[in-house]
Amino acid sequence: MGARKDLFISYSHLTEEEVEAFCQEWGIDSKFNPVAPGLDKSIDQCPTGSIALYCRHFEFSDMHHPFSTFVLNILEYYRVSFGQIHPQGLARVLHFEVLCRALGYDTSLLLFRRFFRLAKNGDWFTLETY
């Protein structure tokens, strides 16, 4: 991923074979019909009925499918999609969830909001600490 201002001019270079290998590695079922975007499509040009995901979300954040209810609640509350939040921001959500569970706390949106706020930085949204 390049600069934060290149969201609309960055294009995927993945082939169908690479997408298939990625899905096998990360346990994404073929029933979700994963496809490689066209070489001339940016992430903001996702087909209707689909969601766009960056491979970096999985690799950098160690995100796995199925997504936890906590992660989905965070995205719903802030009204952002996976394609809008920076992988480092998503990593913060996942790390928060893991730490809460390790310490025996229930993960909750209210508790999360005590520590983090959503911030827009260029074309990306990220989660910053207070």
Protein backbone atom coordinates (compact mmCIF):
# COMPACT_ATOMS: atom_id res chain seq x y z
CA MET A 1 0.00 0.00 0.00
CA GLY A 2 1.31 3.38 -0.91
CA ALA A 3 0.52 6.84 0.32
CA ARG A 4 -2.78 7.52 2.01
CA LYS A 5 -3.94 9.73 -0.87
CA ASP A 6 -3.67 7.03 -3.55
CA LEU A 7 -6.81 5.03 -2.72
CA PHE A 8 -8.53 5.93 -5.99
CA ILE A 9 -5.51 5.37 -8.21
CA SER A 10 -4.18 2.11 -6.70
CA TYR A 11 -5.12 -1.05 -8.50
CA SER A 12 -4.89 -4.72 -7.66
CA HIS A 13 -2.32 -6.87 -9.40
CA LEU A 14 -3.66 -10.19 -8.12
CA THR A 15 -4.51 -12.97 -10.53
CA GLU A 16 -7.37 -15.39 -9.96
CA GLU A 17 -4.81 -18.05 -9.04
CA GLU A 18 -3.25 -15.78 -6.41
CA VAL A 19 -6.68 -15.01 -4.94
CA GLU A 20 -7.46 -18.72 -4.81
CA ALA A 21 -4.14 -19.46 -3.05
CA PHE A 22 -4.73 -16.60 -0.61
CA CYS A 23 -8.21 -17.90 0.24
CA GLN A 24 -6.85 -21.38 0.84
CA GLU A 25 -4.10 -20.02 3.10
CA TRP A 26 -6.51 -17.92 5.18
CA GLY A 27 -9.46 -20.35 5.22
CA ILE A 28 -11.87 -18.27 3.16
CA ASP A 29 -14.50 -20.60 1.77
CA SER A 30 -15.18 -20.64 -1.98
CA LYS A 31 -18.91 -20.26 -1.22
CA PHE A 32 -18.18 -16.52 -0.81
CA ASN A 33 -17.16 -16.42 -4.47
CA PRO A 34 -13.87 -14.54 -4.02
CA VAL A 35 -12.64 -12.94 -7.21
CA ALA A 36 -9.68 -10.84 -8.21
CA PRO A 37 -10.69 -7.33 -9.17
CA GLY A 38 -9.91 -6.16 -12.66
CA LEU A 39 -6.49 -4.64 -13.17
CA ASP A 40 -8.18 -1.30 -13.83
CA LYS A 41 -10.42 -1.35 -10.72
CA SER A 42 -9.67 0.40 -7.44
CA ILE A 43 -11.14 -0.74 -4.13
CA ASP A 44 -13.84 1.92 -4.26
CA GLN A 45 -15.27 0.25 -7.40
CA CYS A 46 -16.51 -2.89 -5.67
CA PRO A 47 -19.44 -4.63 -7.42
CA THR A 48 -22.86 -4.38 -5.80
CA GLY A 49 -23.46 -7.21 -3.35
CA SER A 50 -19.75 -7.71 -2.69
CA ILE A 51 -17.29 -6.42 -0.13
CA ALA A 52 -13.73 -5.46 -0.92
CA LEU A 53 -10.96 -6.66 1.36
CA TYR A 54 -7.27 -5.91 1.33
CA CYS A 55 -4.96 -8.90 1.64
CA ARG A 56 -2.91 -6.74 3.98
CA HIS A 57 -5.78 -6.75 6.49
CA PHE A 58 -5.27 -10.46 6.88
CA GLU A 59 -1.49 -10.47 6.70
CA PHE A 60 -0.73 -7.39 8.80
CA SER A 61 -3.53 -7.70 11.36
CA ASP A 62 -3.69 -11.51 11.42
CA MET A 63 -7.42 -11.22 10.77
CA HIS A 64 -9.30 -14.47 10.14
CA HIS A 65 -12.69 -15.41 8.81
CA PRO A 66 -15.24 -15.72 10.34
CA PHE A 67 -14.94 -12.18 11.65
CA SER A 68 -15.77 -11.71 15.30
CA THR A 69 -18.97 -10.00 16.35
CA PHE A 70 -16.83 -7.37 18.07
CA VAL A 71 -15.01 -6.43 14.83
CA LEU A 72 -18.30 -6.27 12.92
CA ASN A 73 -19.85 -4.11 15.68
CA ILE A 74 -16.92 -1.68 15.48
CA LEU A 75 -17.29 -1.34 11.71
CA GLU A 76 -21.05 -0.93 12.02
CA TYR A 77 -20.81 1.67 14.78
CA TYR A 78 -18.31 3.81 12.90
CA ARG A 79 -20.11 3.17 9.59
CA VAL A 80 -16.94 2.11 7.76
CA SER A 81 -16.13 -0.93 5.68
CA PHE A 82 -13.02 -3.07 5.66
CA GLY A 83 -11.87 -1.22 2.54
CA GLN A 84 -12.00 2.16 4.30
CA ILE A 85 -10.03 1.39 7.43
CA HIS A 86 -6.26 1.25 7.38
CA PRO A 87 -4.79 -2.18 8.21
CA GLN A 88 -3.00 -0.65 11.21
CA GLY A 89 -6.35 0.61 12.51
CA LEU A 90 -7.87 -2.84 12.11
CA ALA A 91 -4.84 -4.32 13.87
CA ARG A 92 -5.62 -2.06 16.84
CA VAL A 93 -9.18 -3.40 16.98
CA LEU A 94 -7.97 -7.00 16.89
CA HIS A 95 -5.21 -6.40 19.44
CA PHE A 96 -7.71 -4.74 21.78
CA GLU A 97 -10.00 -7.75 21.46
CA VAL A 98 -7.19 -10.22 22.16
CA LEU A 99 -5.95 -8.25 25.19
CA CYS A 100 -9.45 -8.02 26.66
CA ARG A 101 -9.94 -11.75 26.33
CA ALA A 102 -6.50 -12.47 27.77
CA LEU A 103 -7.29 -10.31 30.80
CA GLY A 104 -10.74 -11.84 31.24
CA TYR A 105 -12.75 -8.78 30.18
CA ASP A 106 -15.70 -8.82 27.83
CA THR A 107 -15.03 -6.88 24.66
CA SER A 108 -17.52 -4.09 24.26
CA LEU A 109 -17.92 -1.10 22.02
CA LEU A 110 -18.22 1.18 25.06
CA LEU A 111 -14.93 -0.04 26.52
CA PHE A 112 -13.21 0.25 23.13
CA ARG A 113 -14.42 3.84 22.75
CA ARG A 114 -12.80 4.74 26.09
CA PHE A 115 -9.40 4.11 24.51
CA PHE A 116 -9.78 4.83 20.78
CA ARG A 117 -11.39 7.30 18.43
CA LEU A 118 -11.88 7.14 14.68
CA ALA A 119 -9.88 9.67 12.70
CA LYS A 120 -9.86 10.42 9.00
CA ASN A 121 -6.40 10.83 7.58
CA GLY A 122 -6.39 11.39 3.83
CA ASP A 123 -8.42 8.67 2.17
CA TRP A 124 -8.09 6.29 5.13
CA PHE A 125 -9.79 5.97 8.48
CA THR A 126 -7.62 4.92 11.37
CA LEU A 127 -8.14 4.42 15.08
CA GLU A 128 -6.11 6.68 17.34
CA THR A 129 -5.67 6.53 21.07
CA TYR A 130 -6.88 9.38 23.23
